[in-house]
Amino acid sequence: MKLLSVNVAMPREVQINGKAVLTGFFKQPVDGPVWLGSLMLAGDGQADLTVHGGEHQAAYTYPFEHYAYWEQVMDVPKYPPGTFGENFTTSGLLETEICIGDVLRCGEAIVQVTMPRLPCFKFAHKMGRPAIIKEFLHSGFSGFYHRVLKEGMVQAGDAIELQERDPHRITVRQILGLQRLKEGDLADVHRALKMENLAPSLREDLEARLAHETIESRS
C-alpha cells in the first residue's frame, strides 16, 4: 500500500447556477513533506464546515485504482491526482478491503478510517456532469475519510501500513451500502451501530435507517 500523491487546496469561489459558492474541491499535488494535523493537512481547507472537515474528516483518501474507470465513463484521457477532491491518492487501499475503524500508518502520521465519502453538487460542478452524483454513489468507489490519531509529516511515496484491524470487520463498501444504498438488513445495521468509533454523522444515518425500517416492519 502506498501514498502516490498528497493534494491540498484552500477554498475558492466558483459560480454554480448563477450563485457564488466557496469550495475546496480543486486539490493540487504537493511536492515534499506536508504536515498532517489533527483537523487537516497544512495548506488545505474546507469551505462548508457543517458538512466537511472536523475530527472525523481530517483527510480524504481516494484509490488510484478507480481513476481508469472514471476516465472511461467521462471519456477523458487522463485525470491528475486530486481530481476527486482527495487529499491522498493511494494504491492498494480499496473500499472492499479496508474496514471502518482500521488504523493505518502513513509516513509519520497514524490515521483511522472513519466513513465513506458522499458526493455533493460541488463535485458535480467540478466534473461538469450532474449525473455523476448518482453514478459516483452507486459505483461504490466512494473513497474514505480519516481521523488523525498521531500527527506528522506525510509525502508522496510513503508506504502505508495497516497497524490495527477493527474487530467488527465492516468494510467501507459495506457501510456505504447500509448508509445510502439500501443494502443489508436490520441485523447488519445493528452490528454496525455496535462500533464504538463511528463518526457522528454516520451513526445518525444508520440510526435513522434503523428507526425507519423498524416502523415499516411493524406496520
N, C-alpha and C. Protein backbone atom coordinates (compact mmCIF):
# COMPACT_ATOMS: atom_id res chain seq x y z
N MET A 1 0.86 -1.19 0.00
CA MET A 1 0.00 0.00 0.00
C MET A 1 0.89 1.23 0.00
N LYS A 2 0.49 2.23 -0.77
CA LYS A 2 1.38 3.36 -0.99
C LYS A 2 0.61 4.65 -1.17
N LEU A 3 1.19 5.74 -0.68
CA LEU A 3 0.67 7.08 -0.90
C LEU A 3 1.30 7.62 -2.18
N LEU A 4 0.49 7.79 -3.20
CA LEU A 4 1.00 8.22 -4.51
C LEU A 4 1.10 9.73 -4.62
N SER A 5 0.16 10.44 -3.99
CA SER A 5 0.14 11.90 -4.11
C SER A 5 -0.56 12.50 -2.90
N VAL A 6 -0.04 13.64 -2.43
CA VAL A 6 -0.69 14.44 -1.38
C VAL A 6 -1.23 15.69 -2.06
N ASN A 7 -2.52 15.98 -1.85
CA ASN A 7 -3.18 17.06 -2.59
C ASN A 7 -3.91 18.00 -1.63
N VAL A 8 -3.75 19.29 -1.85
CA VAL A 8 -4.39 20.28 -0.97
C VAL A 8 -4.94 21.44 -1.81
N ALA A 9 -5.82 22.21 -1.19
CA ALA A 9 -6.33 23.44 -1.80
C ALA A 9 -7.04 24.25 -0.74
N MET A 10 -6.91 25.54 -0.81
CA MET A 10 -7.71 26.42 0.02
C MET A 10 -9.02 26.72 -0.72
N PRO A 11 -10.09 27.00 0.02
CA PRO A 11 -11.37 27.28 -0.64
C PRO A 11 -11.27 28.45 -1.62
N ARG A 12 -11.99 28.29 -2.73
CA ARG A 12 -12.05 29.36 -3.72
C ARG A 12 -13.50 29.51 -4.19
N GLU A 13 -13.80 30.65 -4.75
CA GLU A 13 -15.17 30.93 -5.17
C GLU A 13 -15.38 30.49 -6.61
N VAL A 14 -16.50 29.78 -6.83
CA VAL A 14 -16.91 29.40 -8.18
C VAL A 14 -18.37 29.77 -8.36
N GLN A 15 -18.80 29.84 -9.60
CA GLN A 15 -20.20 30.14 -9.91
C GLN A 15 -20.94 28.84 -10.22
N ILE A 16 -21.96 28.54 -9.42
CA ILE A 16 -22.78 27.35 -9.65
C ILE A 16 -24.23 27.80 -9.75
N ASN A 17 -24.82 27.58 -10.92
CA ASN A 17 -26.21 28.01 -11.17
C ASN A 17 -26.41 29.50 -10.87
N GLY A 18 -25.41 30.30 -11.24
CA GLY A 18 -25.51 31.74 -11.08
C GLY A 18 -25.24 32.25 -9.69
N LYS A 19 -24.82 31.36 -8.78
CA LYS A 19 -24.54 31.78 -7.41
C LYS A 19 -23.07 31.56 -7.08
N ALA A 20 -22.51 32.48 -6.29
CA ALA A 20 -21.12 32.33 -5.85
C ALA A 20 -21.07 31.31 -4.72
N VAL A 21 -20.22 30.30 -4.89
CA VAL A 21 -20.11 29.22 -3.91
C VAL A 21 -18.64 28.99 -3.60
N LEU A 22 -18.31 28.84 -2.33
CA LEU A 22 -16.95 28.51 -1.94
C LEU A 22 -16.76 27.00 -1.95
N THR A 23 -15.62 26.56 -2.48
CA THR A 23 -15.31 25.13 -2.49
C THR A 23 -13.82 24.91 -2.35
N GLY A 24 -13.48 23.87 -1.63
CA GLY A 24 -12.08 23.47 -1.50
C GLY A 24 -11.79 22.23 -2.31
N PHE A 25 -12.61 21.99 -3.33
CA PHE A 25 -12.56 20.73 -4.07
C PHE A 25 -11.40 20.65 -5.06
N PHE A 26 -10.85 21.78 -5.44
CA PHE A 26 -9.87 21.77 -6.53
C PHE A 26 -8.46 21.50 -5.99
N LYS A 27 -8.23 20.28 -5.54
CA LYS A 27 -6.96 19.91 -4.92
C LYS A 27 -5.84 19.81 -5.95
N GLN A 28 -4.64 20.19 -5.52
CA GLN A 28 -3.45 20.11 -6.36
C GLN A 28 -2.35 19.35 -5.62
N PRO A 29 -1.57 18.52 -6.35
CA PRO A 29 -0.48 17.78 -5.71
C PRO A 29 0.57 18.70 -5.11
N VAL A 30 1.15 18.23 -4.01
CA VAL A 30 2.19 18.97 -3.31
C VAL A 30 3.49 18.18 -3.36
N ASP A 31 4.58 18.85 -3.65
CA ASP A 31 5.90 18.21 -3.62
C ASP A 31 6.47 18.28 -2.20
N GLY A 32 7.09 17.21 -1.76
CA GLY A 32 7.75 17.22 -0.47
C GLY A 32 6.82 16.93 0.68
N PRO A 33 7.36 16.95 1.90
CA PRO A 33 6.58 16.61 3.09
C PRO A 33 5.51 17.65 3.40
N VAL A 34 4.37 17.18 3.91
CA VAL A 34 3.26 18.05 4.31
C VAL A 34 2.83 17.63 5.70
N TRP A 35 2.57 18.61 6.56
CA TRP A 35 2.15 18.32 7.92
C TRP A 35 0.67 17.93 7.96
N LEU A 36 0.39 16.75 8.52
CA LEU A 36 -0.97 16.32 8.75
C LEU A 36 -1.31 16.57 10.21
N GLY A 37 -2.14 17.59 10.45
CA GLY A 37 -2.55 17.92 11.81
C GLY A 37 -3.82 17.19 12.20
N SER A 38 -4.33 17.50 13.35
CA SER A 38 -5.48 16.78 13.88
C SER A 38 -6.76 17.03 13.09
N LEU A 39 -6.82 18.16 12.36
CA LEU A 39 -8.05 18.50 11.63
C LEU A 39 -7.87 18.61 10.12
N MET A 40 -6.62 18.74 9.65
CA MET A 40 -6.42 18.88 8.20
C MET A 40 -4.93 18.88 7.88
N LEU A 41 -4.65 18.82 6.59
CA LEU A 41 -3.29 18.98 6.10
C LEU A 41 -2.93 20.46 6.04
N ALA A 42 -1.65 20.76 6.24
CA ALA A 42 -1.19 22.13 6.07
C ALA A 42 -1.46 22.58 4.64
N GLY A 43 -2.02 23.78 4.49
CA GLY A 43 -2.32 24.32 3.17
C GLY A 43 -3.64 23.88 2.60
N ASP A 44 -4.40 23.11 3.37
CA ASP A 44 -5.70 22.63 2.92
C ASP A 44 -6.80 23.35 3.69
N GLY A 45 -8.01 23.33 3.14
CA GLY A 45 -9.12 23.97 3.83
C GLY A 45 -10.45 23.46 3.30
N GLN A 46 -11.49 23.59 4.12
CA GLN A 46 -12.84 23.21 3.73
C GLN A 46 -13.72 24.45 3.74
N ALA A 47 -14.60 24.52 2.75
CA ALA A 47 -15.44 25.71 2.62
C ALA A 47 -16.64 25.68 3.56
N ASP A 48 -17.29 24.54 3.66
CA ASP A 48 -18.51 24.41 4.46
C ASP A 48 -18.26 23.44 5.60
N LEU A 49 -17.95 23.97 6.77
CA LEU A 49 -17.57 23.13 7.90
C LEU A 49 -18.77 22.42 8.53
N THR A 50 -19.97 22.69 8.04
CA THR A 50 -21.13 21.97 8.57
C THR A 50 -21.20 20.56 7.98
N VAL A 51 -20.57 20.34 6.84
CA VAL A 51 -20.61 19.01 6.22
C VAL A 51 -19.22 18.47 5.88
N HIS A 52 -18.19 19.30 5.96
CA HIS A 52 -16.84 18.87 5.64
C HIS A 52 -15.91 19.20 6.79
N GLY A 53 -14.79 18.49 6.83
CA GLY A 53 -13.79 18.77 7.84
C GLY A 53 -14.18 18.25 9.21
N GLY A 54 -13.42 18.68 10.22
CA GLY A 54 -13.66 18.20 11.57
C GLY A 54 -12.86 16.94 11.87
N GLU A 55 -12.97 16.49 13.09
CA GLU A 55 -12.16 15.38 13.57
C GLU A 55 -12.28 14.12 12.70
N HIS A 56 -13.49 13.80 12.26
CA HIS A 56 -13.71 12.55 11.53
C HIS A 56 -13.55 12.68 10.02
N GLN A 57 -13.23 13.88 9.55
CA GLN A 57 -12.98 14.10 8.12
C GLN A 57 -11.72 14.95 7.94
N ALA A 58 -10.69 14.60 8.69
CA ALA A 58 -9.46 15.39 8.65
C ALA A 58 -8.73 15.23 7.32
N ALA A 59 -8.86 14.07 6.71
CA ALA A 59 -8.23 13.83 5.41
C ALA A 59 -9.09 12.83 4.64
N TYR A 60 -9.03 12.94 3.31
CA TYR A 60 -9.84 12.10 2.45
C TYR A 60 -8.94 11.34 1.48
N THR A 61 -9.13 10.02 1.42
CA THR A 61 -8.35 9.15 0.55
C THR A 61 -9.19 8.69 -0.63
N TYR A 62 -8.57 8.67 -1.82
CA TYR A 62 -9.24 8.07 -2.97
C TYR A 62 -8.28 7.13 -3.68
N PRO A 63 -8.72 5.89 -3.94
CA PRO A 63 -7.84 4.91 -4.58
C PRO A 63 -7.57 5.24 -6.05
N PHE A 64 -6.31 5.21 -6.41
CA PHE A 64 -5.92 5.45 -7.80
C PHE A 64 -6.49 4.38 -8.72
N GLU A 65 -6.77 3.19 -8.18
CA GLU A 65 -7.32 2.10 -8.98
C GLU A 65 -8.63 2.48 -9.67
N HIS A 66 -9.35 3.46 -9.12
CA HIS A 66 -10.64 3.85 -9.71
C HIS A 66 -10.50 4.88 -10.83
N TYR A 67 -9.33 5.45 -10.97
CA TYR A 67 -9.16 6.51 -11.96
C TYR A 67 -9.49 6.03 -13.38
N ALA A 68 -9.05 4.83 -13.74
CA ALA A 68 -9.28 4.33 -15.09
C ALA A 68 -10.77 4.19 -15.38
N TYR A 69 -11.54 3.77 -14.37
CA TYR A 69 -12.99 3.63 -14.55
C TYR A 69 -13.62 4.98 -14.89
N TRP A 70 -13.27 6.01 -14.11
CA TRP A 70 -13.88 7.32 -14.34
C TRP A 70 -13.38 7.97 -15.63
N GLU A 71 -12.13 7.71 -15.99
CA GLU A 71 -11.62 8.23 -17.27
C GLU A 71 -12.41 7.64 -18.43
N GLN A 72 -12.82 6.38 -18.30
CA GLN A 72 -13.63 5.76 -19.35
C GLN A 72 -15.05 6.32 -19.34
N VAL A 73 -15.65 6.43 -18.15
CA VAL A 73 -17.00 6.98 -18.04
C VAL A 73 -17.08 8.39 -18.59
N MET A 74 -16.08 9.19 -18.25
CA MET A 74 -16.08 10.61 -18.62
C MET A 74 -15.42 10.87 -19.97
N ASP A 75 -14.86 9.82 -20.59
CA ASP A 75 -14.17 9.95 -21.87
C ASP A 75 -13.06 11.00 -21.79
N VAL A 76 -12.22 10.82 -20.78
CA VAL A 76 -11.08 11.71 -20.53
C VAL A 76 -9.81 10.87 -20.60
N PRO A 77 -8.77 11.32 -21.33
CA PRO A 77 -7.55 10.52 -21.45
C PRO A 77 -6.88 10.22 -20.12
N LYS A 78 -6.75 11.24 -19.28
CA LYS A 78 -6.04 11.03 -18.01
C LYS A 78 -6.41 12.12 -17.02
N TYR A 79 -6.76 11.71 -15.81
CA TYR A 79 -7.02 12.66 -14.74
C TYR A 79 -5.79 12.82 -13.85
N PRO A 80 -5.48 14.03 -13.41
CA PRO A 80 -4.35 14.23 -12.50
C PRO A 80 -4.74 13.86 -11.07
N PRO A 81 -3.77 13.60 -10.20
CA PRO A 81 -4.07 13.33 -8.78
C PRO A 81 -4.85 14.49 -8.16
N GLY A 82 -5.77 14.15 -7.29
CA GLY A 82 -6.58 15.17 -6.64
C GLY A 82 -7.88 15.48 -7.37
N THR A 83 -8.10 14.84 -8.51
CA THR A 83 -9.30 15.10 -9.31
C THR A 83 -10.59 14.91 -8.51
N PHE A 84 -10.62 13.94 -7.64
CA PHE A 84 -11.85 13.62 -6.92
C PHE A 84 -11.93 14.32 -5.56
N GLY A 85 -11.11 15.36 -5.42
CA GLY A 85 -11.13 16.15 -4.19
C GLY A 85 -10.40 15.49 -3.05
N GLU A 86 -9.62 14.45 -3.37
CA GLU A 86 -8.94 13.72 -2.30
C GLU A 86 -7.64 14.38 -1.86
N ASN A 87 -7.35 14.22 -0.58
CA ASN A 87 -6.06 14.64 -0.05
C ASN A 87 -4.98 13.62 -0.34
N PHE A 88 -5.36 12.34 -0.28
CA PHE A 88 -4.42 11.25 -0.51
C PHE A 88 -4.87 10.42 -1.70
N THR A 89 -4.07 10.40 -2.74
CA THR A 89 -4.29 9.44 -3.83
C THR A 89 -3.41 8.24 -3.52
N THR A 90 -4.02 7.06 -3.43
CA THR A 90 -3.31 5.89 -2.92
C THR A 90 -3.41 4.69 -3.85
N SER A 91 -2.57 3.71 -3.61
CA SER A 91 -2.69 2.41 -4.26
C SER A 91 -2.73 1.33 -3.19
N GLY A 92 -3.55 0.32 -3.44
CA GLY A 92 -3.61 -0.81 -2.53
C GLY A 92 -4.60 -0.71 -1.40
N LEU A 93 -5.40 0.35 -1.37
CA LEU A 93 -6.42 0.52 -0.33
C LEU A 93 -7.79 0.63 -0.99
N LEU A 94 -8.51 -0.46 -1.06
CA LEU A 94 -9.81 -0.46 -1.72
C LEU A 94 -10.94 -0.53 -0.69
N GLU A 95 -12.07 0.06 -1.05
CA GLU A 95 -13.22 0.13 -0.16
C GLU A 95 -13.75 -1.26 0.21
N THR A 96 -13.54 -2.23 -0.65
CA THR A 96 -14.00 -3.60 -0.38
C THR A 96 -13.07 -4.35 0.56
N GLU A 97 -11.93 -3.77 0.88
CA GLU A 97 -10.95 -4.44 1.74
C GLU A 97 -10.66 -3.68 3.03
N ILE A 98 -10.66 -2.35 2.97
CA ILE A 98 -10.39 -1.54 4.14
C ILE A 98 -11.66 -1.40 4.97
N CYS A 99 -11.53 -1.53 6.28
CA CYS A 99 -12.69 -1.51 7.17
C CYS A 99 -12.78 -0.21 7.95
N ILE A 100 -14.01 0.17 8.28
CA ILE A 100 -14.22 1.29 9.18
C ILE A 100 -13.55 0.95 10.51
N GLY A 101 -12.75 1.88 11.02
CA GLY A 101 -12.04 1.66 12.27
C GLY A 101 -10.63 1.15 12.10
N ASP A 102 -10.25 0.73 10.89
CA ASP A 102 -8.87 0.29 10.67
C ASP A 102 -7.90 1.44 10.94
N VAL A 103 -6.75 1.10 11.50
CA VAL A 103 -5.72 2.10 11.81
C VAL A 103 -4.55 1.89 10.86
N LEU A 104 -4.13 2.99 10.23
CA LEU A 104 -3.07 2.95 9.23
C LEU A 104 -1.95 3.90 9.60
N ARG A 105 -0.73 3.50 9.30
CA ARG A 105 0.42 4.41 9.42
C ARG A 105 0.80 4.88 8.03
N CYS A 106 0.97 6.20 7.90
CA CYS A 106 1.40 6.79 6.64
C CYS A 106 2.46 7.83 6.96
N GLY A 107 3.68 7.58 6.54
CA GLY A 107 4.76 8.48 6.93
C GLY A 107 4.89 8.52 8.44
N GLU A 108 4.92 9.72 9.00
CA GLU A 108 4.99 9.87 10.46
C GLU A 108 3.62 9.79 11.12
N ALA A 109 2.57 9.90 10.34
CA ALA A 109 1.21 10.02 10.89
C ALA A 109 0.54 8.66 11.04
N ILE A 110 -0.40 8.61 11.97
CA ILE A 110 -1.26 7.44 12.14
C ILE A 110 -2.70 7.91 12.05
N VAL A 111 -3.47 7.26 11.18
CA VAL A 111 -4.85 7.67 10.94
C VAL A 111 -5.79 6.48 11.09
N GLN A 112 -7.07 6.80 11.30
CA GLN A 112 -8.10 5.77 11.41
C GLN A 112 -9.17 6.02 10.36
N VAL A 113 -9.61 4.96 9.70
CA VAL A 113 -10.66 5.06 8.69
C VAL A 113 -11.99 5.31 9.39
N THR A 114 -12.73 6.33 8.93
CA THR A 114 -13.95 6.71 9.65
C THR A 114 -15.24 6.52 8.87
N MET A 115 -15.27 6.86 7.57
CA MET A 115 -16.55 6.86 6.86
C MET A 115 -16.31 7.02 5.36
N PRO A 116 -17.27 6.53 4.54
CA PRO A 116 -17.18 6.78 3.11
C PRO A 116 -17.52 8.22 2.77
N ARG A 117 -17.11 8.63 1.59
CA ARG A 117 -17.43 9.97 1.13
C ARG A 117 -18.73 9.94 0.33
N LEU A 118 -19.61 10.88 0.59
CA LEU A 118 -20.85 11.02 -0.16
C LEU A 118 -20.73 12.21 -1.09
N PRO A 119 -21.03 12.05 -2.39
CA PRO A 119 -20.84 13.14 -3.36
C PRO A 119 -21.86 14.26 -3.18
N CYS A 120 -21.46 15.47 -3.59
CA CYS A 120 -22.35 16.63 -3.46
C CYS A 120 -22.36 17.43 -4.77
N PHE A 121 -23.16 18.50 -4.79
CA PHE A 121 -23.32 19.29 -6.01
C PHE A 121 -22.02 19.97 -6.43
N LYS A 122 -21.13 20.24 -5.48
CA LYS A 122 -19.85 20.87 -5.84
C LYS A 122 -18.99 19.90 -6.64
N PHE A 123 -19.04 18.64 -6.29
CA PHE A 123 -18.33 17.60 -7.04
C PHE A 123 -18.88 17.54 -8.47
N ALA A 124 -20.20 17.55 -8.60
CA ALA A 124 -20.82 17.50 -9.93
C ALA A 124 -20.41 18.71 -10.77
N HIS A 125 -20.33 19.87 -10.13
CA HIS A 125 -19.92 21.08 -10.86
C HIS A 125 -18.48 20.93 -11.33
N LYS A 126 -17.62 20.47 -10.46
CA LYS A 126 -16.21 20.34 -10.82
C LYS A 126 -16.02 19.36 -11.98
N MET A 127 -16.79 18.28 -11.97
CA MET A 127 -16.65 17.26 -13.01
C MET A 127 -17.45 17.62 -14.26
N GLY A 128 -18.34 18.63 -14.16
CA GLY A 128 -19.13 19.04 -15.31
C GLY A 128 -20.15 18.00 -15.74
N ARG A 129 -20.70 17.28 -14.75
CA ARG A 129 -21.63 16.18 -15.06
C ARG A 129 -22.61 16.01 -13.90
N PRO A 130 -23.81 16.58 -13.97
CA PRO A 130 -24.78 16.46 -12.88
C PRO A 130 -25.08 15.02 -12.48
N ALA A 131 -25.10 14.12 -13.46
CA ALA A 131 -25.45 12.72 -13.18
C ALA A 131 -24.39 12.00 -12.37
N ILE A 132 -23.21 12.59 -12.23
CA ILE A 132 -22.13 11.87 -11.55
C ILE A 132 -22.40 11.70 -10.06
N ILE A 133 -23.27 12.51 -9.48
CA ILE A 133 -23.58 12.32 -8.06
C ILE A 133 -24.16 10.93 -7.84
N LYS A 134 -25.14 10.55 -8.64
CA LYS A 134 -25.74 9.22 -8.52
C LYS A 134 -24.78 8.14 -8.99
N GLU A 135 -24.05 8.42 -10.07
CA GLU A 135 -23.10 7.43 -10.60
C GLU A 135 -21.99 7.14 -9.60
N PHE A 136 -21.49 8.18 -8.98
CA PHE A 136 -20.41 8.03 -8.00
C PHE A 136 -20.89 7.20 -6.81
N LEU A 137 -22.07 7.52 -6.32
CA LEU A 137 -22.62 6.80 -5.17
C LEU A 137 -22.82 5.33 -5.49
N HIS A 138 -23.43 5.03 -6.61
CA HIS A 138 -23.77 3.64 -6.94
C HIS A 138 -22.57 2.85 -7.47
N SER A 139 -21.51 3.52 -7.83
CA SER A 139 -20.29 2.79 -8.24
C SER A 139 -19.66 2.06 -7.06
N GLY A 140 -19.88 2.58 -5.86
CA GLY A 140 -19.22 2.02 -4.69
C GLY A 140 -17.80 2.52 -4.52
N PHE A 141 -17.34 3.31 -5.49
CA PHE A 141 -15.97 3.85 -5.44
C PHE A 141 -15.97 5.18 -4.68
N SER A 142 -16.25 5.11 -3.40
CA SER A 142 -16.50 6.31 -2.61
C SER A 142 -15.25 6.96 -2.06
N GLY A 143 -14.16 6.19 -1.92
CA GLY A 143 -13.06 6.68 -1.11
C GLY A 143 -13.49 6.73 0.33
N PHE A 144 -12.63 7.23 1.20
CA PHE A 144 -12.97 7.24 2.62
C PHE A 144 -12.17 8.28 3.39
N TYR A 145 -12.78 8.72 4.49
CA TYR A 145 -12.18 9.74 5.36
C TYR A 145 -11.39 9.11 6.50
N HIS A 146 -10.57 9.97 7.12
CA HIS A 146 -9.78 9.56 8.28
C HIS A 146 -9.90 10.56 9.42
N ARG A 147 -9.72 10.06 10.62
CA ARG A 147 -9.37 10.94 11.72
C ARG A 147 -7.92 10.67 12.07
N VAL A 148 -7.26 11.66 12.63
CA VAL A 148 -5.82 11.59 12.87
C VAL A 148 -5.57 11.18 14.32
N LEU A 149 -4.92 10.05 14.50
CA LEU A 149 -4.56 9.58 15.84
C LEU A 149 -3.19 10.09 16.26
N LYS A 150 -2.31 10.29 15.30
CA LYS A 150 -0.98 10.84 15.58
C LYS A 150 -0.60 11.76 14.43
N GLU A 151 -0.35 13.02 14.74
CA GLU A 151 0.04 13.99 13.73
C GLU A 151 1.45 13.70 13.23
N GLY A 152 1.75 14.19 12.01
CA GLY A 152 3.10 14.00 11.49
C GLY A 152 3.19 14.37 10.03
N MET A 153 4.41 14.31 9.51
CA MET A 153 4.66 14.61 8.11
C MET A 153 4.29 13.42 7.23
N VAL A 154 3.68 13.73 6.09
CA VAL A 154 3.39 12.73 5.07
C VAL A 154 3.85 13.28 3.73
N GLN A 155 4.17 12.38 2.80
CA GLN A 155 4.55 12.84 1.47
C GLN A 155 4.36 11.72 0.46
N ALA A 156 4.25 12.11 -0.79
CA ALA A 156 4.11 11.14 -1.88
C ALA A 156 5.27 10.16 -1.82
N GLY A 157 4.96 8.89 -2.00
CA GLY A 157 5.98 7.85 -1.94
C GLY A 157 6.01 7.10 -0.63
N ASP A 158 5.34 7.66 0.41
CA ASP A 158 5.30 6.98 1.70
C ASP A 158 4.57 5.64 1.59
N ALA A 159 5.11 4.64 2.30
CA ALA A 159 4.40 3.38 2.43
C ALA A 159 3.24 3.58 3.40
N ILE A 160 2.15 2.87 3.16
CA ILE A 160 1.01 2.87 4.07
C ILE A 160 0.92 1.48 4.67
N GLU A 161 0.90 1.41 6.00
CA GLU A 161 0.92 0.12 6.68
C GLU A 161 -0.32 -0.02 7.56
N LEU A 162 -0.93 -1.19 7.51
CA LEU A 162 -2.06 -1.48 8.39
C LEU A 162 -1.52 -1.78 9.78
N GLN A 163 -1.89 -0.93 10.74
CA GLN A 163 -1.43 -1.09 12.11
C GLN A 163 -2.39 -1.91 12.98
N GLU A 164 -3.66 -1.75 12.68
CA GLU A 164 -4.67 -2.42 13.51
C GLU A 164 -5.95 -2.61 12.70
N ARG A 165 -6.47 -3.82 12.72
CA ARG A 165 -7.72 -4.12 12.02
C ARG A 165 -8.87 -4.03 13.01
N ASP A 166 -9.90 -3.27 12.64
CA ASP A 166 -11.06 -3.16 13.53
C ASP A 166 -11.71 -4.53 13.70
N PRO A 167 -12.05 -4.90 14.94
CA PRO A 167 -12.59 -6.24 15.19
C PRO A 167 -13.93 -6.53 14.54
N HIS A 168 -14.70 -5.48 14.21
CA HIS A 168 -16.01 -5.71 13.61
C HIS A 168 -15.92 -6.08 12.13
N ARG A 169 -14.82 -5.74 11.49
CA ARG A 169 -14.55 -6.11 10.10
C ARG A 169 -15.68 -5.71 9.15
N ILE A 170 -16.13 -4.48 9.26
CA ILE A 170 -17.15 -3.96 8.34
C ILE A 170 -16.45 -3.03 7.36
N THR A 171 -16.45 -3.40 6.09
CA THR A 171 -15.69 -2.63 5.11
C THR A 171 -16.35 -1.29 4.81
N VAL A 172 -15.58 -0.40 4.23
CA VAL A 172 -16.10 0.89 3.79
C VAL A 172 -17.26 0.68 2.81
N ARG A 173 -17.10 -0.27 1.90
CA ARG A 173 -18.14 -0.55 0.92
C ARG A 173 -19.42 -1.06 1.59
N GLN A 174 -19.28 -1.90 2.60
CA GLN A 174 -20.46 -2.40 3.31
C GLN A 174 -21.19 -1.28 4.04
N ILE A 175 -20.42 -0.40 4.66
CA ILE A 175 -21.04 0.74 5.37
C ILE A 175 -21.76 1.65 4.39
N LEU A 176 -21.15 1.91 3.24
CA LEU A 176 -21.80 2.73 2.22
C LEU A 176 -23.13 2.11 1.81
N GLY A 177 -23.14 0.80 1.65
CA GLY A 177 -24.36 0.11 1.29
C GLY A 177 -25.44 0.26 2.34
N LEU A 178 -25.05 0.17 3.62
CA LEU A 178 -26.01 0.33 4.71
C LEU A 178 -26.47 1.77 4.83
N GLN A 179 -25.56 2.70 4.60
CA GLN A 179 -25.84 4.11 4.81
C GLN A 179 -26.69 4.72 3.71
N ARG A 180 -26.44 4.35 2.44
CA ARG A 180 -27.08 5.06 1.34
C ARG A 180 -27.70 4.19 0.25
N LEU A 181 -27.34 2.92 0.18
CA LEU A 181 -27.76 2.12 -0.97
C LEU A 181 -28.82 1.08 -0.63
N LYS A 182 -29.36 1.13 0.56
CA LYS A 182 -30.44 0.23 1.00
C LYS A 182 -30.01 -1.23 0.93
N GLU A 183 -28.74 -1.48 1.14
CA GLU A 183 -28.22 -2.84 1.16
C GLU A 183 -28.21 -3.37 2.60
N GLY A 184 -28.13 -4.68 2.75
CA GLY A 184 -28.10 -5.27 4.07
C GLY A 184 -29.47 -5.26 4.73
N ASP A 185 -29.53 -5.71 5.97
CA ASP A 185 -30.79 -5.74 6.71
C ASP A 185 -30.60 -5.14 8.09
N LEU A 186 -31.64 -5.20 8.91
CA LEU A 186 -31.58 -4.58 10.24
C LEU A 186 -30.50 -5.20 11.12
N ALA A 187 -30.25 -6.47 10.96
CA ALA A 187 -29.19 -7.11 11.74
C ALA A 187 -27.83 -6.51 11.40
N ASP A 188 -27.63 -6.21 10.12
CA ASP A 188 -26.38 -5.58 9.69
C ASP A 188 -26.24 -4.17 10.26
N VAL A 189 -27.35 -3.45 10.29
CA VAL A 189 -27.32 -2.09 10.85
C VAL A 189 -27.02 -2.15 12.34
N HIS A 190 -27.66 -3.07 13.05
CA HIS A 190 -27.41 -3.24 14.49
C HIS A 190 -25.93 -3.55 14.73
N ARG A 191 -25.36 -4.41 13.90
CA ARG A 191 -23.95 -4.78 14.07
C ARG A 191 -23.05 -3.58 13.86
N ALA A 192 -23.36 -2.76 12.85
CA ALA A 192 -22.55 -1.56 12.58
C ALA A 192 -22.65 -0.56 13.72
N LEU A 193 -23.83 -0.43 14.31
CA LEU A 193 -24.01 0.55 15.39
C LEU A 193 -23.30 0.15 16.67
N LYS A 194 -22.81 -1.07 16.75
CA LYS A 194 -22.05 -1.50 17.92
C LYS A 194 -20.62 -0.99 17.90
N MET A 195 -20.21 -0.44 16.77
CA MET A 195 -18.84 0.08 16.65
C MET A 195 -18.71 1.35 17.49
N GLU A 196 -17.70 1.38 18.33
CA GLU A 196 -17.53 2.49 19.28
C GLU A 196 -17.10 3.78 18.60
N ASN A 197 -16.34 3.67 17.53
CA ASN A 197 -15.72 4.86 16.93
C ASN A 197 -16.43 5.37 15.69
N LEU A 198 -17.71 5.07 15.55
CA LEU A 198 -18.45 5.57 14.39
C LEU A 198 -18.49 7.10 14.40
N ALA A 199 -18.26 7.69 13.23
CA ALA A 199 -18.40 9.14 13.10
C ALA A 199 -19.85 9.52 13.41
N PRO A 200 -20.08 10.64 14.10
CA PRO A 200 -21.44 11.02 14.48
C PRO A 200 -22.43 11.07 13.33
N SER A 201 -22.03 11.64 12.19
CA SER A 201 -22.96 11.74 11.06
C SER A 201 -23.31 10.37 10.50
N LEU A 202 -22.34 9.47 10.50
CA LEU A 202 -22.59 8.11 10.04
C LEU A 202 -23.53 7.38 11.00
N ARG A 203 -23.30 7.55 12.29
CA ARG A 203 -24.18 6.93 13.28
C ARG A 203 -25.61 7.45 13.14
N GLU A 204 -25.76 8.75 12.91
CA GLU A 204 -27.09 9.34 12.73
C GLU A 204 -27.80 8.72 11.53
N ASP A 205 -27.08 8.53 10.42
CA ASP A 205 -27.69 7.94 9.23
C ASP A 205 -28.13 6.50 9.50
N LEU A 206 -27.30 5.74 10.18
CA LEU A 206 -27.64 4.35 10.46
C LEU A 206 -28.79 4.25 11.44
N GLU A 207 -28.81 5.13 12.44
CA GLU A 207 -29.92 5.13 13.39
C GLU A 207 -31.22 5.54 12.72
N ALA A 208 -31.14 6.46 11.76
CA ALA A 208 -32.34 6.87 11.02
C ALA A 208 -32.87 5.72 10.19
N ARG A 209 -31.98 4.98 9.55
CA ARG A 209 -32.43 3.81 8.77
C ARG A 209 -33.04 2.77 9.69
N LEU A 210 -32.42 2.55 10.82
CA LEU A 210 -32.94 1.56 11.78
C LEU A 210 -34.34 1.93 12.24
N ALA A 211 -34.53 3.20 12.58
CA ALA A 211 -35.84 3.65 13.05
C ALA A 211 -36.89 3.52 11.95
N HIS A 212 -36.53 3.93 10.74
CA HIS A 212 -37.47 3.89 9.62
C HIS A 212 -37.90 2.46 9.30
N GLU A 213 -36.91 1.55 9.22
CA GLU A 213 -37.24 0.18 8.83
C GLU A 213 -37.91 -0.58 9.96
N THR A 214 -37.64 -0.19 11.21
CA THR A 214 -38.33 -0.81 12.34
C THR A 214 -39.81 -0.45 12.31
N ILE A 215 -40.11 0.82 12.02
CA ILE A 215 -41.51 1.25 11.91
C ILE A 215 -42.20 0.53 10.76
N GLU A 216 -41.52 0.44 9.61
CA GLU A 216 -42.10 -0.22 8.45
C GLU A 216 -42.40 -1.69 8.72
N SER A 217 -41.48 -2.35 9.46
CA SER A 217 -41.67 -3.77 9.73
C SER A 217 -42.85 -4.03 10.66
N ARG A 218 -43.25 -3.02 11.42
CA ARG A 218 -44.36 -3.18 12.36
C ARG A 218 -45.71 -2.80 11.76
N SER A 219 -45.64 -2.12 10.62
CA SER A 219 -46.89 -1.64 10.00
C SER A 219 -47.52 -2.72 9.11
